[in-house]
Amino acid sequence: MYYLQDKNSNYAFICPKKITIAIKRNKVKRQLKEGFLKHTNKLDTNYSVIFIANKNILDCPFKKISDMILLSLIKKKLINEETKHFFN
């Protein structure tokens, strides 16, 4: 995950060709997008974020992908201060 402080909030989901075939790459991108959209209400809107998938994501269930996205956002401190109480 890469992020940049920006006035506009943009999000991108990338799955490289060398991971697998197009059908599975598209599925991974859809899962990343949906997992991220679950947490956008908690996200600070002053950031642009890029998620890049790796091979390990192919065998993961959606719940784990969503949890990993949330943990990444918390670790990088991209979550609003007002919404941190939801995680305690």
Protein backbone atom coordinates (compact mmCIF):
# COMPACT_ATOMS: atom_id res chain seq x y z
CA MET A 1 0.00 0.00 0.00
CA TYR A 2 1.23 3.44 -0.95
CA TYR A 3 -0.32 6.72 0.05
CA LEU A 4 0.15 10.42 -0.55
CA GLN A 5 -1.31 13.37 1.31
CA ASP A 6 -3.44 15.18 -1.21
CA LYS A 7 -6.42 17.55 -1.38
CA ASN A 8 -8.35 15.04 -3.48
CA SER A 9 -8.94 11.50 -2.30
CA ASN A 10 -8.19 9.00 -5.07
CA TYR A 11 -7.93 5.24 -4.75
CA ALA A 12 -6.34 2.66 -7.07
CA PHE A 13 -6.19 -1.14 -6.95
CA ILE A 14 -3.44 -2.87 -8.92
CA CYS A 15 -2.89 -6.54 -9.59
CA PRO A 16 0.22 -7.22 -11.75
CA LYS A 17 0.03 -9.53 -14.77
CA LYS A 18 2.66 -11.90 -13.43
CA ILE A 19 0.40 -12.92 -10.52
CA THR A 20 -2.16 -14.90 -12.52
CA ILE A 21 -4.63 -14.83 -15.42
CA ALA A 22 -6.95 -11.87 -16.09
CA ILE A 23 -10.08 -13.44 -14.58
CA LYS A 24 -8.40 -13.98 -11.21
CA ARG A 25 -6.70 -10.57 -11.31
CA ASN A 26 -10.08 -8.91 -11.84
CA LYS A 27 -11.55 -10.87 -8.93
CA VAL A 28 -8.68 -9.78 -6.68
CA LYS A 29 -9.16 -6.13 -7.69
CA ARG A 30 -12.91 -6.37 -6.98
CA GLN A 31 -12.21 -7.89 -3.56
CA LEU A 32 -9.65 -5.19 -2.74
CA LYS A 33 -12.05 -2.47 -3.82
CA GLU A 34 -14.97 -3.85 -1.84
CA GLY A 35 -12.82 -4.43 1.24
CA PHE A 36 -11.56 -0.87 1.03
CA LEU A 37 -15.02 0.64 0.46
CA LYS A 38 -16.19 -0.95 3.74
CA HIS A 39 -13.75 1.31 5.57
CA THR A 40 -13.96 4.57 3.60
CA ASN A 41 -16.26 6.20 6.16
CA LYS A 42 -13.40 5.87 8.72
CA LEU A 43 -10.71 7.09 6.34
CA ASP A 44 -9.14 10.54 6.41
CA THR A 45 -10.17 12.20 3.13
CA ASN A 46 -6.86 14.02 2.64
CA TYR A 47 -5.05 11.02 1.17
CA SER A 48 -4.73 9.21 -2.13
CA VAL A 49 -4.10 5.49 -1.72
CA ILE A 50 -2.77 2.76 -4.04
CA PHE A 51 -3.15 -0.93 -3.17
CA ILE A 52 -0.90 -3.40 -4.98
CA ALA A 53 -1.76 -7.10 -4.71
CA ASN A 54 0.73 -9.92 -4.39
CA LYS A 55 0.47 -13.69 -4.93
CA ASN A 56 -0.53 -14.41 -1.32
CA ILE A 57 -3.91 -12.75 -1.82
CA LEU A 58 -5.10 -15.43 -4.27
CA ASP A 59 -5.84 -17.96 -1.51
CA CYS A 60 -7.28 -15.51 1.03
CA PRO A 61 -10.99 -15.28 1.85
CA PHE A 62 -12.65 -11.87 1.55
CA LYS A 63 -12.88 -11.39 5.33
CA LYS A 64 -9.11 -11.69 5.69
CA ILE A 65 -8.53 -9.25 2.80
CA SER A 66 -10.87 -6.73 4.41
CA ASP A 67 -9.15 -7.12 7.79
CA MET A 68 -5.69 -6.71 6.25
CA ILE A 69 -6.80 -3.51 4.50
CA LEU A 70 -8.11 -2.15 7.80
CA LEU A 71 -4.90 -3.07 9.62
CA SER A 72 -2.82 -1.41 6.89
CA LEU A 73 -4.86 1.78 7.16
CA ILE A 74 -4.48 1.82 10.94
CA LYS A 75 -0.76 1.09 10.76
CA LYS A 76 -0.20 3.96 8.31
CA LYS A 77 -2.42 6.23 10.48
CA LEU A 78 -4.86 7.00 7.68
CA ILE A 79 -7.89 6.54 9.93
CA ASN A 80 -9.66 9.63 11.32
CA GLU A 81 -9.08 10.30 15.02
CA GLU A 82 -12.83 10.47 15.70
CA THR A 83 -13.36 6.91 14.46
CA LYS A 84 -10.50 5.20 16.29
CA HIS A 85 -12.77 4.37 19.22
CA PHE A 86 -14.51 1.79 16.98
CA PHE A 87 -11.39 -0.38 17.08
CA ASN A 88 -10.85 -0.50 20.85
